[in-house]
Protein backbone atom coordinates (compact mmCIF):
# COMPACT_ATOMS: atom_id res chain seq x y z
CA MET A 1 0.00 0.00 0.00
CA LEU A 2 2.80 2.43 0.93
CA PHE A 3 4.61 1.54 -2.30
CA LEU A 4 1.53 2.38 -4.39
CA LEU A 5 1.16 5.77 -2.68
CA PHE A 6 4.84 6.49 -3.25
CA LYS A 7 4.59 5.40 -6.90
CA LYS A 8 1.53 7.61 -7.43
CA TYR A 9 3.33 10.55 -5.78
CA VAL A 10 6.45 10.11 -7.95
CA LEU A 11 4.41 9.75 -11.15
CA GLY A 12 2.52 12.92 -10.26
CA LEU A 13 5.77 14.82 -9.77
CA LEU A 14 7.13 13.51 -13.06
CA LYS A 15 3.98 14.51 -14.95
CA GLU A 16 4.19 17.96 -13.45
CA TRP A 17 7.93 18.68 -13.80
CA VAL A 18 9.18 16.78 -16.87
CA PRO A 19 7.25 18.91 -19.40
CA THR A 20 8.35 22.12 -17.65
CA ILE A 21 12.00 21.08 -17.59
CA ALA A 22 11.88 19.85 -21.20
CA PHE A 23 10.32 23.16 -22.31
CA ALA A 24 13.00 25.14 -20.45
CA ILE A 25 15.77 23.11 -22.09
CA ILE A 26 14.29 23.64 -25.56
CA ILE A 27 13.95 27.39 -24.98
CA ALA A 28 17.55 27.59 -23.71
CA LEU A 29 18.84 25.74 -26.78
CA VAL A 30 16.89 27.97 -29.17
CA VAL A 31 18.09 31.16 -27.44
CA ASN A 32 21.71 29.95 -27.36
CA THR A 33 21.65 28.91 -31.02
CA TYR A 34 19.70 31.77 -32.64
CA VAL A 35 19.30 34.74 -30.26
CA ALA A 36 22.23 35.32 -27.90
CA GLN A 37 25.12 33.46 -26.36
CA ALA A 38 27.67 34.12 -23.63
CA MET A 39 31.35 33.79 -24.48
CA THR A 40 34.69 34.28 -22.79
CA VAL A 41 37.29 36.45 -24.54
CA PRO A 42 40.28 34.17 -25.17
CA THR A 43 43.03 36.71 -25.95
CA GLY A 44 44.21 40.23 -25.23
CA SER A 45 43.81 41.37 -28.84
CA MET A 46 41.03 43.82 -27.90
CA LEU A 47 42.89 45.56 -25.05
CA PRO A 48 42.13 48.07 -23.62
CA THR A 49 38.45 47.89 -24.65
CA ILE A 50 37.93 44.24 -23.69
CA GLN A 51 40.16 42.40 -21.24
CA LEU A 52 41.38 38.81 -21.41
CA GLN A 53 38.73 36.50 -19.87
CA ASP A 54 35.91 39.08 -19.98
CA GLU A 55 32.48 37.45 -20.35
CA LEU A 56 30.37 38.91 -23.16
CA ILE A 57 26.85 38.49 -24.47
CA VAL A 58 26.86 38.05 -28.24
CA GLU A 59 23.65 38.94 -30.08
CA LYS A 60 23.26 36.34 -32.85
CA MET A 61 20.20 37.56 -34.81
CA LYS A 62 22.25 38.48 -37.90
CA PRO A 63 19.30 39.10 -40.25
CA LEU A 64 18.05 41.80 -37.85
CA THR A 65 21.48 43.31 -37.15
CA ASP A 66 22.96 46.26 -39.00
CA PHE A 67 26.70 45.84 -38.76
CA GLU A 68 28.48 49.19 -38.73
CA PHE A 69 32.04 50.45 -38.69
CA GLY A 70 33.39 50.17 -35.15
CA ASP A 71 31.10 47.35 -33.96
CA ILE A 72 32.75 44.61 -31.93
CA VAL A 73 31.95 41.34 -33.67
CA VAL A 74 32.48 37.63 -33.00
CA PHE A 75 33.28 35.46 -36.02
CA TRP A 76 35.11 32.42 -37.38
CA PRO A 77 38.32 33.67 -39.05
CA PRO A 78 39.43 32.49 -42.51
CA ILE A 79 42.32 30.50 -41.07
CA GLU A 80 42.61 26.87 -42.10
CA GLY A 81 42.42 24.50 -39.15
CA ASN A 82 41.25 27.20 -36.73
CA GLU A 83 38.57 26.18 -34.22
CA ASP A 84 38.46 29.39 -32.14
CA ARG A 85 36.01 32.25 -32.40
CA TYR A 86 37.61 35.68 -32.73
CA VAL A 87 36.47 38.97 -31.21
CA LYS A 88 37.56 42.04 -33.18
CA ARG A 89 36.43 45.49 -34.24
CA LEU A 90 34.68 45.81 -37.60
CA ILE A 91 36.85 48.11 -39.70
CA GLY A 92 35.81 47.46 -43.29
CA LEU A 93 32.33 46.89 -44.69
CA PRO A 94 31.67 45.63 -48.24
CA GLY A 95 32.92 48.24 -50.72
CA ASP A 96 35.17 50.09 -48.24
CA THR A 97 38.85 50.69 -48.97
CA ILE A 98 41.16 50.08 -46.01
CA GLU A 99 44.79 51.08 -45.58
CA VAL A 100 47.22 51.41 -42.66
CA ARG A 101 50.13 53.81 -43.05
CA ASP A 102 52.15 56.14 -40.85
CA GLY A 103 50.60 54.58 -37.72
CA ALA A 104 47.02 55.39 -38.73
CA LEU A 105 44.00 53.70 -40.27
CA TYR A 106 42.54 55.11 -43.48
CA ARG A 107 39.03 54.13 -44.45
CA ASN A 108 37.75 55.21 -47.86
CA GLY A 109 40.71 57.61 -48.12
CA ALA A 110 40.01 59.42 -44.83
CA LYS A 111 42.13 59.09 -41.69
CA VAL A 112 40.07 57.52 -38.89
CA ASP A 113 40.21 58.82 -35.31
CA GLU A 114 40.46 55.73 -33.11
CA PRO A 115 40.57 56.67 -29.41
CA TYR A 116 39.98 53.03 -28.44
CA ILE A 117 43.25 51.56 -29.77
CA GLN A 118 46.07 50.54 -27.42
CA ALA A 119 48.85 52.27 -29.42
CA PRO A 120 49.46 53.58 -32.93
CA MET A 121 50.13 50.84 -35.47
CA THR A 122 53.75 50.01 -36.16
CA TYR A 123 53.02 48.31 -39.47
CA THR A 124 51.87 49.17 -42.97
CA PHE A 125 48.94 47.50 -44.71
CA HIS A 126 48.51 48.43 -48.35
CA GLU A 127 45.11 49.55 -49.56
CA VAL A 128 42.51 46.84 -50.17
CA THR A 129 38.87 47.02 -51.17
CA VAL A 130 36.51 44.85 -49.14
CA PRO A 131 34.54 42.55 -51.49
CA GLU A 132 30.78 42.09 -51.38
CA ARG A 133 29.53 39.92 -48.49
CA LYS A 134 32.95 40.17 -46.79
CA TYR A 135 34.28 42.16 -43.84
CA PHE A 136 37.65 43.39 -42.54
CA PHE A 137 38.51 43.24 -38.81
CA LEU A 138 41.28 44.57 -36.57
CA GLY A 139 41.85 44.18 -32.84
CA ASP A 140 42.12 47.29 -30.65
CA ASN A 141 45.54 46.07 -29.50
CA ARG A 142 46.66 46.50 -33.11
CA ASN A 143 50.34 45.65 -32.72
CA ASP A 144 49.59 42.43 -30.85
CA SER A 145 46.47 41.16 -32.62
CA TYR A 146 46.26 38.30 -35.09
CA ASP A 147 43.67 39.89 -37.36
CA SER A 148 42.88 40.76 -40.98
CA HIS A 149 46.22 42.45 -41.61
CA LEU A 150 48.12 39.20 -40.85
CA TRP A 151 45.93 36.36 -42.11
CA PRO A 152 47.79 34.41 -44.80
CA ALA A 153 45.05 33.39 -47.24
CA THR A 154 42.73 36.41 -47.20
CA PRO A 155 42.20 39.45 -44.99
CA PHE A 156 38.42 39.16 -45.30
CA VAL A 157 35.78 37.34 -43.26
CA ALA A 158 32.80 35.97 -45.16
CA GLU A 159 29.36 37.11 -44.06
CA LYS A 160 28.41 33.49 -43.34
CA ASP A 161 31.26 33.23 -40.79
CA ILE A 162 30.00 36.07 -38.63
CA ILE A 163 28.45 34.79 -35.39
CA GLY A 164 27.13 38.07 -34.04
CA LYS A 165 27.75 41.40 -32.37
CA ALA A 166 29.16 41.65 -28.85
CA VAL A 167 26.64 43.86 -27.06
CA PHE A 168 27.05 43.46 -23.30
CA ARG A 169 29.81 42.63 -20.80
CA ILE A 170 28.60 40.48 -17.89
CA PHE A 171 31.94 39.85 -16.18
CA PRO A 172 33.82 41.27 -14.42
CA LEU A 173 30.95 42.75 -12.48
CA SER A 174 32.81 46.05 -12.01
CA GLN A 175 32.79 46.48 -15.82
CA MET A 176 29.25 45.18 -16.46
CA GLY A 177 27.42 47.09 -19.16
CA THR A 178 27.20 47.79 -22.87
CA ILE A 179 30.35 47.58 -24.98
CA ASP A 180 31.58 50.57 -26.99
């Protein structure tokens, strides 16, 4: 008799909680796959804007996102054998011309004021035009960032390889907030 009561109690709990837990798991998977995802910054290539091991929220709704010059974006780089996501600043949109000379970035022929970079660039990157459906990225720590100016095969990231825009820092708590 006690066993039947226990069995009835357990079955009641299962009927009540299993659908709720299953629904929560499905919602979490959908959000993580298509809406937003947390990620840890693996390198110091975005210093001083983003620190090594900062936790960011990446908005992944690409069809609803207008990517603009200066956005901080997460993507898969065009590096054979790479399995890491990169976090860099969007410098060149399709059709833009990009050049680095005399320690400064030139976009579409105009020198760009970049108060967010760690130090002036110590390299030269000859002018390129960003192709359609491609993007050009540089880290804020320009002289110590493995980014578009160094990639061996191509300096451009295909639109399909963009994961999303970094929009919010959740850790460290003292730096919590939107990302500029």
